Amino acid sequence: MDDSSAGQRPPHGAPARRSPPPLCGAPGLPFLTRYNLSFATTSQHATWTVLFFILATLVRTPPNEFPLQAVCICYAAGVAAELAWRRHCRSMRHGGCYAALRQLALPLFICGDVLVGRAGVVRIGITLVDATRPGLLRAAHFILFLVLASRWLTNAPVWLLCHPLIVMLPAQLLIVYNHWRVNIETCASDLMATPEAAAAVHSLSGALDFLQFGGLVLPRVGPPLTPAHECRTVLAWQQLFLSLAVPALLAAVAEARLWRRHQEERRQSGLPPEGGLQSRLYKALDACLLQAEWPDCGLMGWLHLGFVVWLLASVLHLLAVLVSQ
């Protein structure tokens, strides 16, 4: 479906297809401004969540870890300044300069995340884990630690800042690479060297094996994975799949649909379609994502979406094994 056919009524008896979500702002505004206005509330909540994580990290940081404290204070001050800028422009026409230029604040979140990692937030977090809990509580504690050590949960609010994919994807590649670099240090820690931790990691690693070939676990070629290799693989898979691939896929689908709506509204208003590099990008996304209509195509659409997600999980598991060597 191209721009000229968007919004047409389906033939009688055909299933109704949900139209792309609405955009805020007039059709004459640039797509970037309308996109920023549409996600203003979501991005504001995400910014407050990032600030909460920073302050929680600052409170839990031991007094002798001055570098991490200093980074958290500076990062929190930068996020507070971004919130103040947002509030100042809220009452202005079309969101003021914030709606047009808020992508300039994205490097703040990139640098803050990278510096928090370099200051040893995972290393310090390891010292705060209580490994003395008995039985299943101890295993659950190790699994929860592996989830937190991958840092995909703290990266989710950065995705929810809802910057366009063309600027967010390079930023996320840098963030996830910075998280991946710490995996060796995490898996070499004394905490992960305990038998209970090795058993928990082995269980998770075995569960990831079922992603291959529809659950058919084939015999491994070469020597078996060491506990440290399994630990790095589990962390890397979370970072590649949960912290990068799934959010990028959802963002691409959402933006392709919004771009199509933007072009259709411009056509209906008698305006020429918006062009440039972003036009070619979103047309390519629309073609690759089958016009971003997966959820609207009934059972087959959901099955196709499930197949894509499984294929991503499977391929990224193989990649996680390779990068964890």
Protein backbone atom coordinates (compact mmCIF):
# COMPACT_ATOMS: atom_id res chain seq x y z
CA MET A 1 0.00 0.00 0.00
CA ASP A 2 1.45 3.41 -0.98
CA ASP A 3 0.67 6.87 0.37
CA SER A 4 -2.13 7.51 -2.11
CA SER A 5 -4.12 4.46 -0.99
CA ALA A 6 -3.81 5.06 2.76
CA GLY A 7 -7.05 5.73 4.53
CA GLN A 8 -9.27 4.25 1.79
CA ARG A 9 -12.23 2.15 2.85
CA PRO A 10 -11.87 -1.61 2.29
CA PRO A 11 -14.27 -3.37 -0.09
CA HIS A 12 -17.56 -4.59 1.34
CA GLY A 13 -17.00 -7.81 3.25
CA ALA A 14 -13.24 -7.32 3.57
CA PRO A 15 -11.77 -7.04 7.08
CA ALA A 16 -11.28 -3.45 8.17
CA ARG A 17 -7.65 -2.41 8.49
CA ARG A 18 -6.74 -0.08 11.28
CA SER A 19 -5.32 3.20 10.04
CA PRO A 20 -1.93 4.43 11.25
CA PRO A 21 -1.98 6.27 14.59
CA PRO A 22 -2.63 10.02 14.57
CA LEU A 23 0.08 12.65 14.65
CA CYS A 24 0.03 15.85 16.67
CA GLY A 25 0.49 19.17 14.94
CA ALA A 26 -0.55 20.52 11.56
CA PRO A 27 0.38 18.61 8.37
CA GLY A 28 2.49 21.57 7.23
CA LEU A 29 4.97 21.02 10.05
CA PRO A 30 8.07 18.88 9.43
CA PHE A 31 7.66 15.22 10.33
CA LEU A 32 10.34 15.46 13.02
CA THR A 33 8.45 18.21 14.85
CA ARG A 34 5.15 16.32 14.64
CA TYR A 35 6.87 13.13 15.82
CA ASN A 36 8.35 14.91 18.84
CA LEU A 37 4.98 16.47 19.71
CA SER A 38 3.22 13.10 19.44
CA PHE A 39 5.57 11.42 21.91
CA ALA A 40 5.97 14.35 24.29
CA THR A 41 4.19 12.64 27.20
CA THR A 42 5.89 9.27 26.74
CA SER A 43 9.34 10.82 26.48
CA GLN A 44 8.69 12.96 29.56
CA HIS A 45 7.78 9.91 31.63
CA ALA A 46 10.87 8.12 30.32
CA THR A 47 13.08 11.07 31.24
CA TRP A 48 11.73 11.05 34.80
CA THR A 49 12.38 7.29 34.92
CA VAL A 50 15.99 7.80 33.84
CA LEU A 51 16.36 10.43 36.55
CA PHE A 52 14.90 8.01 39.11
CA PHE A 53 17.42 5.30 38.11
CA ILE A 54 20.28 7.78 38.41
CA LEU A 55 19.22 8.92 41.88
CA ALA A 56 18.64 5.32 43.00
CA THR A 57 22.16 4.44 41.84
CA LEU A 58 23.55 7.47 43.65
CA VAL A 59 21.82 6.52 46.90
CA ARG A 60 23.09 2.92 46.72
CA THR A 61 26.67 3.86 45.82
CA PRO A 62 29.14 3.39 48.71
CA PRO A 63 30.72 6.62 49.98
CA ASN A 64 34.22 5.60 48.86
CA GLU A 65 33.15 5.29 45.18
CA PHE A 66 33.60 8.96 44.36
CA PRO A 67 33.89 8.60 40.53
CA LEU A 68 30.48 6.97 40.23
CA GLN A 69 28.95 9.50 42.61
CA ALA A 70 30.37 12.39 40.58
CA VAL A 71 29.10 10.91 37.30
CA CYS A 72 25.62 10.35 38.77
CA ILE A 73 25.43 13.91 40.08
CA CYS A 74 26.47 15.39 36.72
CA TYR A 75 24.16 13.06 34.81
CA ALA A 76 21.22 13.94 37.08
CA ALA A 77 21.93 17.66 36.64
CA GLY A 78 21.92 17.26 32.85
CA VAL A 79 18.63 15.34 32.88
CA ALA A 80 17.09 17.96 35.18
CA ALA A 81 18.19 20.67 32.72
CA GLU A 82 16.53 18.75 29.87
CA LEU A 83 13.30 18.57 31.87
CA ALA A 84 13.52 22.32 32.56
CA TRP A 85 13.99 23.02 28.83
CA ARG A 86 10.98 20.85 28.07
CA ARG A 87 8.85 22.67 30.65
CA HIS A 88 9.92 26.09 29.39
CA CYS A 89 8.79 25.27 25.82
CA ARG A 90 5.58 23.49 26.80
CA SER A 91 3.34 26.55 26.38
CA MET A 92 4.98 27.76 23.17
CA ARG A 93 3.43 27.34 19.73
CA HIS A 94 4.20 23.93 18.23
CA GLY A 95 6.30 23.02 21.26
CA GLY A 96 8.84 25.78 20.72
CA CYS A 97 12.49 25.00 20.07
CA TYR A 98 12.29 21.85 22.19
CA ALA A 99 9.96 20.06 19.76
CA ALA A 100 12.25 20.91 16.86
CA LEU A 101 15.65 20.42 18.51
CA ARG A 102 15.22 17.95 21.36
CA GLN A 103 17.45 15.43 19.54
CA LEU A 104 20.34 17.65 20.60
CA ALA A 105 19.82 16.34 24.15
CA LEU A 106 20.34 12.70 23.13
CA PRO A 107 24.17 12.83 23.51
CA LEU A 108 23.58 13.71 27.18
CA PHE A 109 21.88 10.35 27.76
CA ILE A 110 24.52 8.48 25.72
CA CYS A 111 27.45 10.04 27.58
CA GLY A 112 25.73 9.59 30.93
CA ASP A 113 25.07 5.89 30.34
CA VAL A 114 28.60 5.26 29.05
CA LEU A 115 30.24 7.11 31.94
CA VAL A 116 28.09 5.34 34.54
CA GLY A 117 29.27 2.03 33.10
CA ARG A 118 32.91 3.13 32.97
CA ALA A 119 32.67 4.28 36.59
CA GLY A 120 31.92 0.70 37.63
CA VAL A 121 28.18 0.54 38.28
CA VAL A 122 28.07 -3.22 37.58
CA ARG A 123 31.21 -3.91 39.61
CA ILE A 124 29.74 -2.02 42.56
CA GLY A 125 26.41 -3.75 42.08
CA ILE A 126 28.13 -7.13 42.44
CA THR A 127 29.33 -6.17 45.91
CA LEU A 128 25.74 -5.36 46.92
CA VAL A 129 24.31 -8.76 45.94
CA ASP A 130 23.42 -11.01 48.85
CA ALA A 131 24.62 -14.50 47.88
CA THR A 132 23.76 -16.09 51.23
CA ARG A 133 20.06 -16.69 50.57
CA PRO A 134 19.09 -20.37 50.68
CA GLY A 135 17.78 -22.66 47.94
CA LEU A 136 15.55 -21.25 45.20
CA LEU A 137 15.87 -17.71 46.55
CA ARG A 138 19.59 -17.82 45.89
CA ALA A 139 19.09 -19.10 42.31
CA ALA A 140 16.46 -16.42 41.67
CA HIS A 141 18.88 -13.85 43.07
CA PHE A 142 21.58 -14.91 40.60
CA ILE A 143 19.14 -14.84 37.67
CA LEU A 144 17.92 -11.38 38.68
CA PHE A 145 21.54 -10.24 38.92
CA LEU A 146 22.21 -11.49 35.36
CA VAL A 147 19.19 -9.53 34.12
CA LEU A 148 20.36 -6.36 35.88
CA ALA A 149 24.00 -6.86 34.86
CA SER A 150 23.04 -6.90 31.18
CA ARG A 151 21.50 -3.42 31.80
CA TRP A 152 18.68 -3.85 29.28
CA LEU A 153 16.14 -2.84 31.94
CA THR A 154 17.89 0.48 32.54
CA ASN A 155 18.27 0.94 28.78
CA ALA A 156 14.52 0.58 28.13
CA PRO A 157 13.72 4.16 29.32
CA VAL A 158 16.32 5.50 26.90
CA TRP A 159 14.41 3.85 24.05
CA LEU A 160 11.20 5.33 25.46
CA LEU A 161 12.64 8.80 25.01
CA CYS A 162 11.23 8.17 21.50
CA HIS A 163 13.87 9.79 19.37
CA PRO A 164 13.66 8.90 15.66
CA LEU A 165 15.32 5.63 14.74
CA ILE A 166 17.79 7.35 12.41
CA VAL A 167 19.47 8.97 15.43
CA MET A 168 18.48 6.47 18.14
CA LEU A 169 19.93 3.35 16.50
CA PRO A 170 23.56 4.63 16.30
CA ALA A 171 23.22 5.85 19.89
CA GLN A 172 21.93 2.48 21.05
CA LEU A 173 24.71 0.62 19.24
CA LEU A 174 27.21 2.67 21.24
CA ILE A 175 25.32 2.10 24.51
CA VAL A 176 24.96 -1.66 24.00
CA TYR A 177 28.62 -1.96 22.98
CA ASN A 178 29.57 -0.21 26.21
CA HIS A 179 27.41 -2.68 28.17
CA TRP A 180 28.92 -5.65 26.33
CA ARG A 181 32.48 -4.58 27.20
CA VAL A 182 31.77 -5.13 30.91
CA ASN A 183 30.57 -8.74 30.47
CA ILE A 184 34.03 -10.27 30.89
CA GLU A 185 34.56 -8.46 34.19
CA THR A 186 31.07 -9.41 35.40
CA CYS A 187 31.46 -13.11 34.62
CA ALA A 188 34.96 -13.24 36.12
CA SER A 189 33.75 -11.93 39.48
CA ASP A 190 33.85 -14.06 42.63
CA LEU A 191 30.05 -13.97 42.79
CA MET A 192 29.67 -15.75 39.45
CA ALA A 193 32.35 -18.31 40.33
CA THR A 194 30.15 -20.02 42.95
CA PRO A 195 28.54 -23.39 42.09
CA GLU A 196 25.04 -21.95 42.57
CA ALA A 197 25.74 -19.15 40.10
CA ALA A 198 27.22 -21.59 37.58
CA ALA A 199 24.11 -23.79 37.84
CA ALA A 200 21.77 -20.82 37.30
CA VAL A 201 23.78 -19.64 34.30
CA HIS A 202 23.86 -23.17 32.84
CA SER A 203 20.07 -23.39 33.10
CA LEU A 204 19.61 -20.07 31.31
CA SER A 205 22.16 -21.02 28.66
CA GLY A 206 20.35 -24.31 28.07
CA ALA A 207 17.04 -22.48 27.70
CA LEU A 208 18.58 -20.26 25.01
CA ASP A 209 19.68 -23.38 23.10
CA PHE A 210 16.00 -24.14 22.46
CA LEU A 211 15.76 -21.01 20.33
CA GLN A 212 17.60 -22.87 17.59
CA PHE A 213 15.72 -24.89 14.99
CA GLY A 214 12.37 -24.66 16.70
CA GLY A 215 13.57 -26.23 19.93
CA LEU A 216 15.67 -29.02 18.41
CA VAL A 217 18.97 -28.82 20.27
CA LEU A 218 21.72 -30.10 18.00
CA PRO A 219 25.00 -31.45 19.37
CA ARG A 220 27.65 -28.79 19.77
CA VAL A 221 30.63 -28.67 17.47
CA GLY A 222 33.84 -28.26 19.43
CA PRO A 223 34.49 -28.23 23.17
CA PRO A 224 31.62 -27.52 25.59
CA LEU A 225 31.15 -23.98 26.80
CA THR A 226 32.83 -23.04 30.04
CA PRO A 227 30.72 -21.43 32.82
CA ALA A 228 32.31 -18.06 32.05
CA HIS A 229 31.49 -18.43 28.35
CA GLU A 230 27.90 -19.38 29.17
CA CYS A 231 27.64 -16.34 31.46
CA ARG A 232 28.92 -13.99 28.75
CA THR A 233 26.58 -15.58 26.21
CA VAL A 234 23.52 -15.06 28.43
CA LEU A 235 24.46 -11.42 29.02
CA ALA A 236 25.27 -10.76 25.35
CA TRP A 237 21.99 -12.29 24.16
CA GLN A 238 19.99 -10.05 26.48
CA GLN A 239 21.92 -7.02 25.24
CA LEU A 240 21.55 -7.90 21.55
CA PHE A 241 17.93 -9.08 21.63
CA LEU A 242 16.18 -7.30 24.51
CA SER A 243 18.23 -4.12 24.62
CA LEU A 244 18.73 -3.57 20.87
CA ALA A 245 16.80 -5.73 18.38
CA VAL A 246 13.28 -5.82 19.87
CA PRO A 247 13.08 -2.07 20.69
CA ALA A 248 14.53 -1.22 17.27
CA LEU A 249 11.94 -3.42 15.54
CA LEU A 250 9.06 -1.83 17.47
CA ALA A 251 10.40 1.67 16.81
CA ALA A 252 10.78 0.95 13.09
CA VAL A 253 7.19 -0.31 12.82
CA ALA A 254 5.80 2.70 14.72
CA GLU A 255 7.78 5.27 12.76
CA ALA A 256 6.98 3.74 9.36
CA ARG A 257 3.25 3.92 10.15
CA LEU A 258 3.50 7.49 11.44
CA TRP A 259 5.44 8.58 8.37
CA ARG A 260 2.76 7.10 6.12
CA ARG A 261 0.08 8.98 8.07
CA HIS A 262 2.10 12.21 7.82
CA GLN A 263 2.41 11.91 4.04
CA GLU A 264 -1.28 11.08 3.67
CA GLU A 265 -2.34 14.11 5.72
CA ARG A 266 -0.09 16.35 3.63
CA ARG A 267 -1.68 14.96 0.45
CA GLN A 268 -5.17 15.58 1.82
CA SER A 269 -4.20 19.16 2.70
CA GLY A 270 -2.92 19.86 -0.80
CA LEU A 271 0.73 19.93 0.29
CA PRO A 272 3.56 18.19 -1.55
CA PRO A 273 4.97 15.08 0.13
CA GLU A 274 7.92 15.63 2.42
CA GLY A 275 11.13 14.42 0.81
CA GLY A 276 14.79 14.14 1.67
CA LEU A 277 16.84 11.37 3.23
CA GLN A 278 14.17 10.47 5.77
CA SER A 279 11.65 9.88 2.97
CA ARG A 280 13.91 7.26 1.37
CA LEU A 281 14.59 5.72 4.78
CA TYR A 282 10.93 5.34 5.72
CA LYS A 283 9.98 4.00 2.30
CA ALA A 284 12.65 1.32 2.71
CA LEU A 285 11.40 0.54 6.22
CA ASP A 286 7.84 0.30 4.94
CA ALA A 287 8.89 -2.20 2.29
CA CYS A 288 11.04 -4.29 4.65
CA LEU A 289 8.35 -4.38 7.35
CA LEU A 290 5.54 -5.31 4.94
CA GLN A 291 4.02 -1.85 5.35
CA ALA A 292 4.07 -2.21 9.15
CA GLU A 293 0.60 -3.79 9.22
CA TRP A 294 1.44 -6.95 11.17
CA PRO A 295 -0.93 -6.40 14.11
CA ASP A 296 -3.76 -5.43 11.75
CA CYS A 297 -3.69 -8.54 9.53
CA GLY A 298 -5.39 -10.96 11.90
CA LEU A 299 -3.89 -14.30 12.87
CA MET A 300 -1.47 -14.44 9.95
CA GLY A 301 -0.11 -11.02 10.83
CA TRP A 302 0.58 -12.08 14.41
CA LEU A 303 2.11 -15.36 13.23
CA HIS A 304 4.40 -13.47 10.89
CA LEU A 305 5.42 -11.10 13.67
CA GLY A 306 6.08 -14.08 15.98
CA PHE A 307 8.22 -15.74 13.31
CA VAL A 308 10.30 -12.57 12.85
CA VAL A 309 10.83 -12.22 16.60
CA TRP A 310 11.81 -15.91 16.94
CA LEU A 311 14.19 -15.61 13.98
CA LEU A 312 15.80 -12.55 15.55
CA ALA A 313 16.16 -14.31 18.90
CA SER A 314 17.66 -17.37 17.24
CA VAL A 315 20.16 -15.51 15.06
CA LEU A 316 21.19 -13.21 17.90
CA HIS A 317 21.79 -16.21 20.15
CA LEU A 318 24.30 -17.53 17.62
CA LEU A 319 25.87 -14.08 17.46
CA ALA A 320 25.99 -13.89 21.26
CA VAL A 321 27.90 -17.18 21.37
CA LEU A 322 30.40 -15.85 18.83
CA VAL A 323 31.02 -12.46 20.47
CA SER A 324 31.41 -14.13 23.88
CA GLN A 325 34.37 -16.30 22.85
